[in-house]
């Protein structure tokens, strides 16, 4: 490579001849991006299925709670003593609270499971050899880009 000052540079001076010798392989790059896009799509589908299932469980829970409250109201007898009515309502509400907590755990587990699946899907990687060698070279502590910026900033002041 000929630099602006007329000297030639082959990339070996910086110890990174391997980077200069790499060739860009568009088919490998396209394959990498296609696989990444497929992984992202699978992760979105997993999240969608999990969140849809959680929403369905929430609707079912809401319907069950409404039906339960309606049945509790219809089981009240007109001549029942207030103490007995409160005891039966307290027992019913305690059962409903236990059912609600179990349902919340089930919904939470469904959401957590779908996010975990999606995360595992996104973390599956197959990096092409060309990309791996570039990344490995860039991680070396003595890596410096071959091109340095030649931009010069000037500041003018007016008195």
C-alpha atoms as a PDB file:
ATOM      1  CA  UNK A   1       0.000   0.000   0.000  1.00  0.00           C
ATOM      2  CA  UNK A   2       1.393   3.414  -0.912  1.00  0.00           C
ATOM      3  CA  UNK A   3       0.968   6.049   1.747  1.00  0.00           C
ATOM      4  CA  UNK A   4       0.341   9.744   0.947  1.00  0.00           C
ATOM      5  CA  UNK A   5       4.010  10.595   1.674  1.00  0.00           C
ATOM      6  CA  UNK A   6       5.176   8.212  -1.084  1.00  0.00           C
ATOM      7  CA  UNK A   7       6.400   5.355   1.122  1.00  0.00           C
ATOM      8  CA  UNK A   8       5.035   1.868   0.809  1.00  0.00           C
ATOM      9  CA  UNK A   9       3.551  -0.134   3.652  1.00  0.00           C
ATOM     10  CA  UNK A  10       2.830  -3.861   3.496  1.00  0.00           C
ATOM     11  CA  UNK A  11       1.251  -4.216   6.946  1.00  0.00           C
ATOM     12  CA  UNK A  12       4.133  -6.225   8.412  1.00  0.00           C
ATOM     13  CA  UNK A  13       5.689  -3.330  10.290  1.00  0.00           C
ATOM     14  CA  UNK A  14       2.915  -3.385  12.857  1.00  0.00           C
ATOM     15  CA  UNK A  15       3.087  -7.178  13.188  1.00  0.00           C
ATOM     16  CA  UNK A  16      -0.339  -7.761  11.712  1.00  0.00           C
ATOM     17  CA  UNK A  17       0.375  -9.158   8.266  1.00  0.00           C
ATOM     18  CA  UNK A  18      -2.466 -11.619   8.818  1.00  0.00           C
ATOM     19  CA  UNK A  19      -5.060  -8.855   8.765  1.00  0.00           C
ATOM     20  CA  UNK A  20      -3.740  -7.455   5.489  1.00  0.00           C
ATOM     21  CA  UNK A  21      -3.739 -10.943   3.956  1.00  0.00           C
ATOM     22  CA  UNK A  22      -7.387 -11.642   4.845  1.00  0.00           C
ATOM     23  CA  UNK A  23      -9.803 -11.551   1.991  1.00  0.00           C
ATOM     24  CA  UNK A  24     -13.375 -10.481   2.310  1.00  0.00           C
ATOM     25  CA  UNK A  25     -15.739 -13.385   1.633  1.00  0.00           C
ATOM     26  CA  UNK A  26     -19.211 -11.998   0.916  1.00  0.00           C
ATOM     27  CA  UNK A  27     -20.877 -15.424   0.918  1.00  0.00           C
ATOM     28  CA  UNK A  28     -19.551 -16.214   4.412  1.00  0.00           C
ATOM     29  CA  UNK A  29     -20.652 -12.799   5.645  1.00  0.00           C
ATOM     30  CA  UNK A  30     -24.131 -13.236   4.153  1.00  0.00           C
ATOM     31  CA  UNK A  31     -24.394 -16.718   5.658  1.00  0.00           C
ATOM     32  CA  UNK A  32     -23.384 -15.328   9.065  1.00  0.00           C
ATOM     33  CA  UNK A  33     -26.035 -12.579   8.882  1.00  0.00           C
ATOM     34  CA  UNK A  34     -28.681 -15.013   7.631  1.00  0.00           C
ATOM     35  CA  UNK A  35     -28.025 -17.311  10.597  1.00  0.00           C
ATOM     36  CA  UNK A  36     -28.066 -14.364  12.998  1.00  0.00           C
ATOM     37  CA  UNK A  37     -31.363 -13.156  11.543  1.00  0.00           C
ATOM     38  CA  UNK A  38     -32.826 -16.667  11.805  1.00  0.00           C
ATOM     39  CA  UNK A  39     -31.737 -16.860  15.471  1.00  0.00           C
ATOM     40  CA  UNK A  40     -33.286 -13.470  16.171  1.00  0.00           C
ATOM     41  CA  UNK A  41     -36.530 -14.544  14.489  1.00  0.00           C
ATOM     42  CA  UNK A  42     -36.643 -17.801  16.502  1.00  0.00           C
ATOM     43  CA  UNK A  43     -36.050 -15.833  19.716  1.00  0.00           C
ATOM     44  CA  UNK A  44     -38.894 -13.457  18.846  1.00  0.00           C
ATOM     45  CA  UNK A  45     -41.190 -16.406  18.168  1.00  0.00           C
ATOM     46  CA  UNK A  46     -40.264 -17.980  21.513  1.00  0.00           C
ATOM     47  CA  UNK A  47     -41.006 -14.729  23.332  1.00  0.00           C
ATOM     48  CA  UNK A  48     -44.261 -14.287  21.452  1.00  0.00           C
ATOM     49  CA  UNK A  49     -45.426 -17.825  22.306  1.00  0.00           C
ATOM     50  CA  UNK A  50     -44.483 -17.381  25.969  1.00  0.00           C
ATOM     51  CA  UNK A  51     -46.115 -13.988  26.344  1.00  0.00           C
ATOM     52  CA  UNK A  52     -49.232 -15.181  24.506  1.00  0.00           C
ATOM     53  CA  UNK A  53     -49.484 -18.163  26.848  1.00  0.00           C
ATOM     54  CA  UNK A  54     -49.043 -15.849  29.853  1.00  0.00           C
ATOM     55  CA  UNK A  55     -51.767 -13.524  28.562  1.00  0.00           C
ATOM     56  CA  UNK A  56     -54.094 -16.511  28.019  1.00  0.00           C
ATOM     57  CA  UNK A  57     -53.416 -17.683  31.591  1.00  0.00           C
ATOM     58  CA  UNK A  58     -54.165 -14.188  32.913  1.00  0.00           C
ATOM     59  CA  UNK A  59     -57.497 -14.060  31.082  1.00  0.00           C
ATOM     60  CA  UNK A  60     -58.414 -17.520  32.374  1.00  0.00           C
ATOM     61  CA  UNK A  61     -57.467 -16.472  35.899  1.00  0.00           C
ATOM     62  CA  UNK A  62     -59.613 -13.349  35.650  1.00  0.00           C
ATOM     63  CA  UNK A  63     -62.591 -15.407  34.450  1.00  0.00           C
ATOM     64  CA  UNK A  64     -62.110 -17.943  37.263  1.00  0.00           C
ATOM     65  CA  UNK A  65     -61.954 -15.194  39.883  1.00  0.00           C
ATOM     66  CA  UNK A  66     -65.113 -13.510  38.587  1.00  0.00           C
ATOM     67  CA  UNK A  67     -66.985 -16.836  38.526  1.00  0.00           C
ATOM     68  CA  UNK A  68     -65.743 -17.647  42.015  1.00  0.00           C
ATOM     69  CA  UNK A  69     -66.863 -14.301  43.409  1.00  0.00           C
ATOM     70  CA  UNK A  70     -70.267 -14.660  41.769  1.00  0.00           C
ATOM     71  CA  UNK A  71     -70.710 -18.160  43.207  1.00  0.00           C
ATOM     72  CA  UNK A  72     -69.681 -16.923  46.651  1.00  0.00           C
ATOM     73  CA  UNK A  73     -72.361 -14.236  46.504  1.00  0.00           C
ATOM     74  CA  UNK A  74     -75.069 -16.663  45.418  1.00  0.00           C
ATOM     75  CA  UNK A  75     -74.271 -19.040  48.281  1.00  0.00           C
ATOM     76  CA  UNK A  76     -75.156 -16.452  50.882  1.00  0.00           C
ATOM     77  CA  UNK A  77     -78.402 -17.282  52.659  1.00  0.00           C
ATOM     78  CA  UNK A  78     -80.708 -14.436  53.623  1.00  0.00           C
ATOM     79  CA  UNK A  79     -81.235 -15.437  57.269  1.00  0.00           C
ATOM     80  CA  UNK A  80     -77.591 -16.336  57.968  1.00  0.00           C
ATOM     81  CA  UNK A  81     -75.932 -14.792  61.019  1.00  0.00           C
ATOM     82  CA  UNK A  82     -73.330 -12.132  60.123  1.00  0.00           C
ATOM     83  CA  UNK A  83     -70.578 -13.993  61.995  1.00  0.00           C
ATOM     84  CA  UNK A  84     -71.189 -17.189  60.014  1.00  0.00           C
ATOM     85  CA  UNK A  85     -71.386 -15.245  56.760  1.00  0.00           C
ATOM     86  CA  UNK A  86     -68.050 -13.528  57.497  1.00  0.00           C
ATOM     87  CA  UNK A  87     -66.413 -16.851  58.388  1.00  0.00           C
ATOM     88  CA  UNK A  88     -67.541 -18.446  55.138  1.00  0.00           C
ATOM     89  CA  UNK A  89     -66.467 -15.379  53.142  1.00  0.00           C
ATOM     90  CA  UNK A  90     -63.067 -15.373  54.882  1.00  0.00           C
ATOM     91  CA  UNK A  91     -62.568 -19.064  54.106  1.00  0.00           C
ATOM     92  CA  UNK A  92     -63.573 -18.455  50.491  1.00  0.00           C
ATOM     93  CA  UNK A  93     -61.253 -15.450  50.161  1.00  0.00           C
ATOM     94  CA  UNK A  94     -58.369 -17.449  51.677  1.00  0.00           C
ATOM     95  CA  UNK A  95     -58.872 -20.199  49.100  1.00  0.00           C
ATOM     96  CA  UNK A  96     -59.045 -17.609  46.335  1.00  0.00           C
ATOM     97  CA  UNK A  97     -55.823 -15.962  47.513  1.00  0.00           C
ATOM     98  CA  UNK A  98     -54.018 -19.319  47.489  1.00  0.00           C
ATOM     99  CA  UNK A  99     -55.354 -20.009  43.987  1.00  0.00           C
ATOM    100  CA  UNK A 100     -54.295 -16.534  42.861  1.00  0.00           C
ATOM    101  CA  UNK A 101     -50.736 -16.974  44.163  1.00  0.00           C
ATOM    102  CA  UNK A 102     -50.394 -20.339  42.421  1.00  0.00           C
ATOM    103  CA  UNK A 103     -51.664 -18.834  39.182  1.00  0.00           C
ATOM    104  CA  UNK A 104     -49.273 -15.877  39.460  1.00  0.00           C
ATOM    105  CA  UNK A 105     -46.359 -18.274  39.938  1.00  0.00           C
ATOM    106  CA  UNK A 106     -47.476 -20.261  36.895  1.00  0.00           C
ATOM    107  CA  UNK A 107     -47.726 -17.099  34.767  1.00  0.00           C
ATOM    108  CA  UNK A 108     -44.361 -15.871  36.029  1.00  0.00           C
ATOM    109  CA  UNK A 109     -42.764 -19.241  35.254  1.00  0.00           C
ATOM    110  CA  UNK A 110     -44.196 -19.153  31.723  1.00  0.00           C
ATOM    111  CA  UNK A 111     -42.744 -15.695  31.091  1.00  0.00           C
ATOM    112  CA  UNK A 112     -39.387 -16.581  32.660  1.00  0.00           C
ATOM    113  CA  UNK A 113     -39.162 -19.787  30.612  1.00  0.00           C
ATOM    114  CA  UNK A 114     -39.848 -17.980  27.329  1.00  0.00           C
ATOM    115  CA  UNK A 115     -37.231 -15.306  28.081  1.00  0.00           C
ATOM    116  CA  UNK A 116     -34.697 -17.986  29.040  1.00  0.00           C
ATOM    117  CA  UNK A 117     -35.336 -19.904  25.807  1.00  0.00           C
ATOM    118  CA  UNK A 118     -35.013 -16.725  23.756  1.00  0.00           C
ATOM    119  CA  UNK A 119     -31.773 -15.776  25.508  1.00  0.00           C
ATOM    120  CA  UNK A 120     -30.277 -19.213  24.840  1.00  0.00           C
ATOM    121  CA  UNK A 121     -31.318 -18.942  21.194  1.00  0.00           C
ATOM    122  CA  UNK A 122     -29.697 -15.533  20.832  1.00  0.00           C
ATOM    123  CA  UNK A 123     -26.484 -16.744  22.452  1.00  0.00           C
ATOM    124  CA  UNK A 124     -26.010 -19.558  19.909  1.00  0.00           C
ATOM    125  CA  UNK A 125     -23.235 -18.306  17.664  1.00  0.00           C
ATOM    126  CA  UNK A 126     -21.381 -19.672  14.735  1.00  0.00           C
ATOM    127  CA  UNK A 127     -18.729 -17.145  13.768  1.00  0.00           C
ATOM    128  CA  UNK A 128     -17.049 -17.677  10.397  1.00  0.00           C
ATOM    129  CA  UNK A 129     -13.287 -18.281  10.495  1.00  0.00           C
ATOM    130  CA  UNK A 130     -12.590 -14.985   8.712  1.00  0.00           C
ATOM    131  CA  UNK A 131     -14.470 -13.013  11.363  1.00  0.00           C
ATOM    132  CA  UNK A 132     -12.818 -14.967  14.196  1.00  0.00           C
ATOM    133  CA  UNK A 133      -9.323 -14.188  12.877  1.00  0.00           C
ATOM    134  CA  UNK A 134     -10.127 -10.474  12.550  1.00  0.00           C
ATOM    135  CA  UNK A 135     -11.580 -10.371  16.067  1.00  0.00           C
ATOM    136  CA  UNK A 136      -8.579 -12.250  17.479  1.00  0.00           C
ATOM    137  CA  UNK A 137      -6.146  -9.847  15.792  1.00  0.00           C
ATOM    138  CA  UNK A 138      -8.088  -6.821  17.019  1.00  0.00           C
ATOM    139  CA  UNK A 139      -7.943  -8.105  20.607  1.00  0.00           C
ATOM    140  CA  UNK A 140      -4.131  -8.196  20.638  1.00  0.00           C
ATOM    141  CA  UNK A 141      -2.834  -5.521  23.012  1.00  0.00           C
ATOM    142  CA  UNK A 142      -0.388  -4.086  20.466  1.00  0.00           C
ATOM    143  CA  UNK A 143      -3.026  -3.686  17.744  1.00  0.00           C
ATOM    144  CA  UNK A 144      -3.048  -0.292  16.100  1.00  0.00           C
ATOM    145  CA  UNK A 145      -4.882   0.507  12.892  1.00  0.00           C
ATOM    146  CA  UNK A 146      -2.661   0.875   9.812  1.00  0.00           C
ATOM    147  CA  UNK A 147      -4.325   4.165   8.860  1.00  0.00           C
ATOM    148  CA  UNK A 148      -3.955   7.079  11.188  1.00  0.00           C
ATOM    149  CA  UNK A 149      -6.287  10.026  11.027  1.00  0.00           C
ATOM    150  CA  UNK A 150      -4.812  12.958   9.181  1.00  0.00           C
ATOM    151  CA  UNK A 151      -7.554  15.356  10.133  1.00  0.00           C
ATOM    152  CA  UNK A 152      -6.236  18.618  11.545  1.00  0.00           C
ATOM    153  CA  UNK A 153      -8.458  20.881  13.542  1.00  0.00           C
ATOM    154  CA  UNK A 154      -7.787  24.603  13.486  1.00  0.00           C
ATOM    155  CA  UNK A 155      -9.426  27.142  15.674  1.00  0.00           C
ATOM    156  CA  UNK A 156      -9.534  30.758  14.646  1.00  0.00           C
ATOM    157  CA  UNK A 157     -10.155  33.460  17.154  1.00  0.00           C
ATOM    158  CA  UNK A 158     -11.311  36.912  16.241  1.00  0.00           C
ATOM    159  CA  UNK A 159     -10.434  39.795  18.466  1.00  0.00           C
END
